[in-house]
Amino acid sequence: MLNHNFDVDIQLPSSKQKVKINKDYIEVNQVQIPCDDVQAIKYGVSLIGPAKNPTKKTYNIDILGKNNKTLNINFESSKVQELLEEDHTYYYIMSGLWQYVKKSLISQYIDSLNNQESFNIGTATINNQGVSMSYKTWFFGKTKTETTPWSDVKYYLNKGILHIESLSNRKKKVLLSLHNDWNAVVLNTLMHYLWQDNRKLKLAKGEKI
């Protein structure tokens, strides 16, 4: 059985960027970030123009390395239909990013959870017990922050926004933008992983996943 090659090597027509992605580095116009140095990613596709009649799509991928070094990959289409050539280009780039970068970031977060360490993504603080959320109390409208246990957490995506909420208290929630918040896209995949095979409940018991 042949191994699939996830390497990316392409010049983007609309932005003229030359993009390379392989197991060693990500390169945009000869500026590189080693894959091992990647701290965070964010990406998304936006429709541009009137809401009822958009005129084009824009595709953005951002990579954050050590010492706040960043790379931006961007291009656009002149149409808005599904499965444009640009959509295939986006998935081609994303497959390389998933294989060489995103999988590693997810593994790092899983290691943190298994070691009962907390980490922050946007305004969310996550640990093996659940998600820390801020909310306003009835008492003088003060803001309180506390951990919502995994058994009381739900999540869903809506229009590029990751919603993480308490099942028992609608005031407790965290909103993260897949386009704008570093590693929100990684957290979305991680949440999906935790919801499978009762992994989130195993974490809460102190078990490794």
Protein backbone atom coordinates (compact mmCIF):
# COMPACT_ATOMS: atom_id res chain seq x y z
CA MET A 1 0.00 0.00 0.00
CA LEU A 2 1.41 3.38 -1.04
CA ASN A 3 1.74 6.13 1.54
CA HIS A 4 -0.17 9.28 0.66
CA ASN A 5 2.02 12.30 -0.03
CA PHE A 6 0.73 15.38 1.82
CA ASP A 7 3.47 17.73 0.59
CA VAL A 8 2.23 21.02 -0.86
CA ASP A 9 4.00 22.92 -3.64
CA ILE A 10 1.92 25.52 -5.46
CA GLN A 11 1.83 29.07 -6.77
CA LEU A 12 -1.49 30.77 -6.05
CA PRO A 13 -2.86 32.58 -9.13
CA SER A 14 -4.70 35.42 -7.37
CA SER A 15 -2.06 36.36 -4.78
CA LYS A 16 1.05 35.11 -6.66
CA GLN A 17 2.25 33.50 -3.44
CA LYS A 18 4.53 30.48 -3.68
CA VAL A 19 3.57 28.02 -0.95
CA LYS A 20 5.44 24.90 0.16
CA ILE A 21 4.48 22.61 3.05
CA ASN A 22 6.31 19.42 4.02
CA LYS A 23 7.28 17.51 7.16
CA ASP A 24 10.09 19.98 7.87
CA TYR A 25 8.73 23.45 7.21
CA ILE A 26 6.02 25.76 5.88
CA GLU A 27 7.25 28.28 3.31
CA VAL A 28 5.51 31.30 1.80
CA ASN A 29 7.51 33.28 -0.77
CA GLN A 30 10.76 31.78 0.55
CA VAL A 31 10.02 32.77 4.18
CA GLN A 32 9.98 29.63 6.35
CA ILE A 33 8.68 28.49 9.72
CA PRO A 34 9.82 24.99 10.79
CA CYS A 35 6.85 22.72 11.53
CA ASP A 36 8.25 22.01 15.00
CA ASP A 37 8.17 25.77 15.74
CA VAL A 38 4.48 26.27 14.94
CA GLN A 39 2.60 27.48 18.02
CA ALA A 40 -0.83 28.16 16.54
CA ILE A 41 -2.92 28.30 13.37
CA LYS A 42 -6.16 29.88 12.23
CA TYR A 43 -7.97 29.67 8.92
CA GLY A 44 -11.27 30.15 7.16
CA VAL A 45 -13.21 30.96 4.02
CA SER A 46 -15.29 34.15 3.78
CA LEU A 47 -17.96 35.27 1.34
CA ILE A 48 -17.43 38.85 0.16
CA GLY A 49 -20.21 41.18 -0.99
CA PRO A 50 -23.92 41.60 -0.14
CA ALA A 51 -25.25 38.86 2.14
CA LYS A 52 -27.88 37.74 -0.37
CA ASN A 53 -25.61 38.02 -3.39
CA PRO A 54 -21.92 37.62 -2.50
CA THR A 55 -19.50 38.16 -5.35
CA LYS A 56 -16.40 36.18 -4.36
CA LYS A 57 -14.73 34.00 -1.74
CA THR A 58 -11.56 34.79 0.18
CA TYR A 59 -9.37 32.07 1.68
CA ASN A 60 -7.05 32.85 4.60
CA ILE A 61 -4.59 30.65 6.49
CA ASP A 62 -2.35 32.07 9.24
CA ILE A 63 0.55 30.31 10.95
CA LEU A 64 2.21 31.53 14.17
CA GLY A 65 5.75 30.41 14.93
CA LYS A 66 8.21 31.12 17.71
CA ASN A 67 9.04 34.74 18.59
CA ASN A 68 5.68 35.81 17.10
CA LYS A 69 6.86 35.07 13.56
CA THR A 70 3.85 34.69 11.27
CA LEU A 71 3.05 33.49 7.78
CA ASN A 72 -0.13 34.32 5.88
CA ILE A 73 -1.51 32.38 2.93
CA ASN A 74 -4.35 34.13 1.13
CA PHE A 75 -6.13 33.93 -2.19
CA GLU A 76 -9.58 34.53 -3.62
CA SER A 77 -12.06 33.34 -6.20
CA SER A 78 -14.12 35.45 -8.58
CA LYS A 79 -17.15 33.18 -8.09
CA VAL A 80 -19.06 31.77 -5.11
CA GLN A 81 -20.27 28.34 -6.25
CA GLU A 82 -19.35 25.16 -4.44
CA LEU A 83 -16.30 23.10 -5.42
CA LEU A 84 -14.49 25.82 -7.30
CA GLU A 85 -10.90 25.26 -8.37
CA GLU A 86 -9.93 27.51 -5.44
CA ASP A 87 -11.84 25.25 -3.05
CA HIS A 88 -9.74 22.31 -4.22
CA THR A 89 -6.60 24.44 -3.77
CA TYR A 90 -7.69 25.29 -0.23
CA TYR A 91 -8.27 21.62 0.65
CA TYR A 92 -4.93 20.71 -0.92
CA ILE A 93 -3.12 23.22 1.31
CA MET A 94 -5.19 22.26 4.36
CA SER A 95 -4.40 18.55 3.93
CA GLY A 96 -0.70 19.34 4.25
CA LEU A 97 -1.30 21.66 7.19
CA TRP A 98 -3.37 18.96 8.92
CA GLN A 99 -0.77 16.24 8.41
CA TYR A 100 2.34 18.19 9.34
CA VAL A 101 1.07 20.80 11.82
CA LYS A 102 -2.46 20.47 13.16
CA LYS A 103 -2.15 16.82 14.24
CA SER A 104 0.92 17.75 16.29
CA LEU A 105 -0.85 20.69 17.96
CA ILE A 106 -3.78 18.44 18.93
CA SER A 107 -1.36 15.85 20.35
CA GLN A 108 0.32 18.53 22.46
CA TYR A 109 -3.02 19.56 23.96
CA ILE A 110 -3.94 15.93 24.64
CA ASP A 111 -0.60 15.47 26.44
CA SER A 112 -1.38 18.54 28.57
CA LEU A 113 -4.80 17.12 29.50
CA ASN A 114 -3.29 13.73 30.34
CA ASN A 115 -0.75 15.48 32.57
CA GLN A 116 -3.59 17.44 34.23
CA GLU A 117 -2.17 20.72 32.94
CA SER A 118 -4.33 23.63 31.79
CA PHE A 119 -3.97 25.65 28.58
CA ASN A 120 -5.61 28.72 27.08
CA ILE A 121 -7.16 29.15 23.66
CA GLY A 122 -8.72 32.57 23.16
CA THR A 123 -10.82 33.31 26.25
CA ALA A 124 -11.18 29.61 27.12
CA THR A 125 -9.07 27.84 29.74
CA ILE A 126 -9.21 24.05 29.41
CA ASN A 127 -8.02 21.34 31.78
CA ASN A 128 -8.80 17.70 32.47
CA GLN A 129 -11.80 18.68 34.61
CA GLY A 130 -13.55 20.91 32.08
CA VAL A 131 -13.63 24.44 30.67
CA SER A 132 -13.23 27.63 32.67
CA MET A 133 -15.94 30.14 31.74
CA SER A 134 -16.68 33.70 32.86
CA TYR A 135 -20.23 34.89 33.41
CA LYS A 136 -22.12 37.72 35.11
CA THR A 137 -23.88 36.92 38.38
CA TRP A 138 -27.19 38.35 39.52
CA PHE A 139 -25.36 39.95 42.45
CA PHE A 140 -24.49 43.48 41.22
CA GLY A 141 -23.67 42.00 37.81
CA LYS A 142 -20.24 40.92 38.95
CA THR A 143 -18.20 38.71 36.65
CA LYS A 144 -17.35 35.29 38.04
CA THR A 145 -15.05 32.67 36.54
CA GLU A 146 -15.32 28.98 37.34
CA THR A 147 -14.67 25.62 35.73
CA THR A 148 -17.68 23.98 34.10
CA PRO A 149 -17.19 20.19 34.35
CA TRP A 150 -17.11 18.15 31.16
CA SER A 151 -20.41 16.50 32.07
CA ASP A 152 -22.06 19.96 31.90
CA VAL A 153 -20.39 21.18 28.68
CA LYS A 154 -21.79 21.29 25.16
CA TYR A 155 -20.23 22.73 22.01
CA TYR A 156 -21.28 23.51 18.47
CA LEU A 157 -20.21 25.50 15.41
CA ASN A 158 -22.31 28.26 13.89
CA LYS A 159 -21.14 30.56 11.07
CA GLY A 160 -17.47 30.16 11.88
CA ILE A 161 -17.94 30.66 15.63
CA LEU A 162 -17.18 27.86 18.10
CA HIS A 163 -19.71 27.98 20.95
CA ILE A 164 -18.77 26.26 24.23
CA GLU A 165 -21.59 26.44 26.77
CA SER A 166 -22.83 25.12 30.09
CA LEU A 167 -25.87 22.84 29.82
CA SER A 168 -27.20 23.98 33.19
CA ASN A 169 -26.50 27.73 33.04
CA ARG A 170 -26.91 29.55 29.74
CA LYS A 171 -24.94 32.51 31.09
CA LYS A 172 -21.78 30.42 31.10
CA LYS A 173 -20.33 30.35 27.62
CA VAL A 174 -17.23 30.97 25.53
CA LEU A 175 -17.28 32.13 21.91
CA LEU A 176 -14.24 31.63 19.69
CA SER A 177 -13.81 32.63 16.05
CA LEU A 178 -12.22 30.00 13.81
CA HIS A 179 -11.00 32.85 11.58
CA ASN A 180 -9.62 35.17 14.26
CA ASP A 181 -8.73 33.24 17.44
CA TRP A 182 -5.45 31.35 17.34
CA ASN A 183 -5.98 27.58 17.61
CA ALA A 184 -9.78 27.78 17.80
CA VAL A 185 -9.76 25.39 14.82
CA VAL A 186 -7.55 23.02 16.83
CA LEU A 187 -9.85 23.23 19.86
CA ASN A 188 -12.87 22.43 17.68
CA THR A 189 -11.19 19.21 16.50
CA LEU A 190 -10.04 18.42 20.04
CA MET A 191 -13.60 18.80 21.39
CA HIS A 192 -14.85 16.38 18.74
CA TYR A 193 -12.17 13.90 19.84
CA LEU A 194 -13.09 14.29 23.53
CA TRP A 195 -16.77 13.63 22.82
CA GLN A 196 -15.96 10.26 21.25
CA ASP A 197 -15.71 7.12 23.41
CA ASN A 198 -16.46 9.10 26.61
CA ARG A 199 -12.92 10.51 26.62
CA LYS A 200 -14.01 13.72 28.38
CA LEU A 201 -15.46 11.71 31.28
CA LYS A 202 -12.32 9.57 31.48
CA LEU A 203 -10.30 12.77 31.81
CA ALA A 204 -12.52 13.98 34.63
CA LYS A 205 -11.79 10.74 36.50
CA GLY A 206 -8.06 11.35 36.14
CA GLU A 207 -7.63 8.68 33.47
CA LYS A 208 -5.45 9.18 30.41
CA ILE A 209 -7.00 9.23 26.95
